[in-house]
Protein backbone atom coordinates (compact mmCIF):
# COMPACT_ATOMS: atom_id res chain seq x y z
CA MET A 1 -79.24 99.09 123.72
CA SER A 2 -80.48 96.17 125.75
CA SER A 3 -83.00 93.71 124.57
CA GLY A 4 -85.66 94.95 127.05
CA TYR A 5 -85.22 98.57 125.39
CA ASN A 6 -85.45 96.94 121.98
CA ASN A 7 -88.60 95.10 123.02
CA LEU A 8 -90.16 98.44 124.12
CA LEU A 9 -89.17 100.17 120.85
CA ASN A 10 -90.81 97.28 119.05
CA GLY A 11 -94.10 97.67 120.94
CA ARG A 12 -93.72 94.68 123.21
CA ALA A 13 -93.51 94.76 126.96
CA LYS A 14 -90.09 93.82 128.64
CA GLU A 15 -90.19 90.49 129.88
CA THR A 16 -88.26 90.79 133.13
CA VAL A 17 -88.13 94.04 134.99
CA PRO A 18 -90.38 96.73 133.70
CA ALA A 19 -88.61 99.81 132.28
CA THR A 20 -90.48 102.01 134.70
CA ILE A 21 -88.76 100.26 137.53
CA GLU A 22 -85.19 101.24 136.14
CA LEU A 23 -85.27 104.77 137.48
CA PRO A 24 -86.49 104.01 141.12
CA VAL A 25 -83.88 101.26 141.33
CA ALA A 26 -81.16 103.65 140.04
CA GLU A 27 -82.08 106.23 142.55
CA LEU A 28 -82.16 103.59 145.35
CA LEU A 29 -78.84 102.26 144.46
CA MET A 30 -77.37 105.92 144.28
CA ARG A 31 -78.91 106.95 147.73
CA GLY A 32 -77.97 103.45 149.35
CA ARG A 33 -74.37 103.84 148.08
CA GLU A 34 -74.26 107.32 149.66
CA LEU A 35 -75.35 105.72 153.00
CA VAL A 36 -72.72 103.07 152.77
CA ARG A 37 -70.10 105.61 152.39
CA PHE A 38 -71.45 107.61 155.36
CA LEU A 39 -71.77 104.60 157.49
CA ARG A 40 -68.16 103.47 156.65
CA SER A 41 -66.65 106.82 157.20
CA HIS A 42 -67.99 106.58 160.78
CA GLY A 43 -66.81 103.08 161.36
CA GLU A 44 -70.14 101.28 161.15
CA LEU A 45 -68.98 98.27 159.32
CA HIS A 46 -71.86 95.79 159.97
CA TRP A 47 -74.60 97.81 158.47
CA SER A 48 -72.48 99.29 155.70
CA GLU A 49 -71.71 95.77 154.53
CA TRP A 50 -75.12 94.54 154.90
CA LEU A 51 -76.49 97.55 152.93
CA GLN A 52 -73.83 97.08 150.16
CA ASP A 53 -74.79 93.38 149.76
CA SER A 54 -78.43 94.26 149.67
CA LEU A 55 -77.99 96.82 147.05
CA GLU A 56 -76.12 94.41 144.92
CA ILE A 57 -79.22 92.04 145.31
CA VAL A 58 -81.51 94.88 144.40
CA ARG A 59 -79.37 95.59 141.35
CA ARG A 60 -79.55 92.05 140.09
CA ASP A 61 -83.32 91.31 141.18
CA PRO A 62 -85.14 94.25 142.32
CA ARG A 63 -88.13 92.14 143.47
CA HIS A 64 -86.05 89.84 145.65
CA GLY A 65 -83.72 92.61 146.73
CA VAL A 66 -86.38 94.94 147.97
CA VAL A 67 -87.81 92.19 150.30
CA ILE A 68 -84.51 91.74 151.69
CA MET A 69 -83.96 95.35 152.25
CA LEU A 70 -87.46 95.94 153.86
CA ASP A 71 -86.53 92.96 156.34
CA GLY A 72 -83.31 94.99 157.31
CA PHE A 73 -85.20 98.20 157.60
CA GLU A 74 -88.19 97.14 159.83
CA GLY A 75 -88.49 95.55 163.16
CA ILE A 76 -86.37 95.50 166.36
CA GLY A 77 -82.57 95.57 165.65
CA ALA A 78 -82.95 96.99 162.14
CA ILE A 79 -80.69 99.47 160.38
CA THR A 80 -83.23 102.29 161.51
CA ASP A 81 -81.99 101.56 165.13
CA ILE A 82 -78.39 102.57 164.49
CA TYR A 83 -77.00 105.35 166.68
CA LEU A 84 -73.47 106.51 166.09
CA CYS A 85 -71.36 107.48 169.19
CA PRO A 86 -67.68 107.22 170.18
CA GLU A 87 -68.72 104.76 173.03
CA ALA A 88 -69.87 102.15 170.50
CA GLY A 89 -66.48 102.49 168.69
CA HIS A 90 -67.72 104.76 165.91
CA ARG A 91 -65.39 107.37 164.52
CA LEU A 92 -66.64 110.79 165.57
CA ALA A 93 -66.08 113.37 168.29
CA GLY A 94 -68.52 113.68 170.89
CA HIS A 95 -69.42 117.16 169.91
CA GLU A 96 -70.25 115.87 166.49
CA GLU A 97 -72.75 113.21 167.77
CA ASN A 98 -76.04 115.13 167.47
CA ALA A 99 -75.20 116.63 163.91
CA ILE A 100 -73.98 113.24 162.52
CA ASN A 101 -76.85 111.24 163.99
CA GLU A 102 -79.32 113.90 162.46
CA GLU A 103 -77.59 113.24 158.98
CA LEU A 104 -77.78 109.44 159.64
CA LEU A 105 -81.51 109.71 160.21
CA LEU A 106 -82.08 111.77 157.18
CA GLN A 107 -80.00 109.41 154.97
CA VAL A 108 -81.68 106.29 156.37
CA SER A 109 -85.09 107.78 155.98
CA ARG A 110 -84.33 108.70 152.26
CA VAL A 111 -83.20 105.13 151.67
CA TYR A 112 -86.11 103.55 153.53
CA THR A 113 -88.64 105.73 151.49
CA LEU A 114 -87.17 104.50 148.19
CA VAL A 115 -87.29 101.00 149.48
CA ARG A 116 -90.82 101.27 150.53
CA GLU A 117 -91.84 102.88 147.24
CA LEU A 118 -90.04 100.16 145.31
CA GLY A 119 -91.62 97.60 147.39
CA ASP A 120 -95.03 98.93 146.76
CA PHE A 121 -94.24 98.99 143.02
CA VAL A 122 -93.15 95.29 143.03
CA ASP A 123 -95.89 94.26 145.48
CA ALA A 124 -93.26 93.16 148.15
CA ASP A 125 -95.81 92.59 150.80
CA SER A 126 -97.39 89.70 148.82
CA LEU A 127 -93.91 88.35 148.14
CA ARG A 128 -93.20 88.53 151.82
CA ARG A 129 -96.39 86.73 152.62
CA ALA A 130 -95.66 83.99 150.15
CA ARG A 131 -92.18 83.50 151.61
CA ALA A 132 -93.58 83.32 155.05
CA ALA A 133 -96.28 80.83 154.09
CA SER A 134 -93.58 78.68 152.57
CA HIS A 135 -91.57 78.68 155.69
CA TYR A 136 -94.70 77.57 157.76
CA ARG A 137 -95.23 74.63 155.39
CA LEU A 138 -91.68 73.21 156.18
């Protein structure tokens, strides 16, 4: 049993990541890995590698990782802009294009929803504002 669980059992709060965050992180990691496999199966290497790297950061440090993931899910040129098609070199037949992109949209939406919920839990917006403010001071 981890020291965090021992601390909870002893009536003390966990010092690092609260126990209540472990389940949302686990679900995000599971759904994110499903999306990585889906993207790789269709030859989308850029975003599958980015997502895999981001999930590893979430696993190690949920507060920092969720900010990175939000950056990759929001704005122009984000993972939400992906469209899989043979013309872009993705592995799929033209007749599969609609169904595969519907599945892609569903999986991306699931992961983004989990990222947003985890972001709300760790107050990612304040972390992003602090990061932006520190960049302006440079």
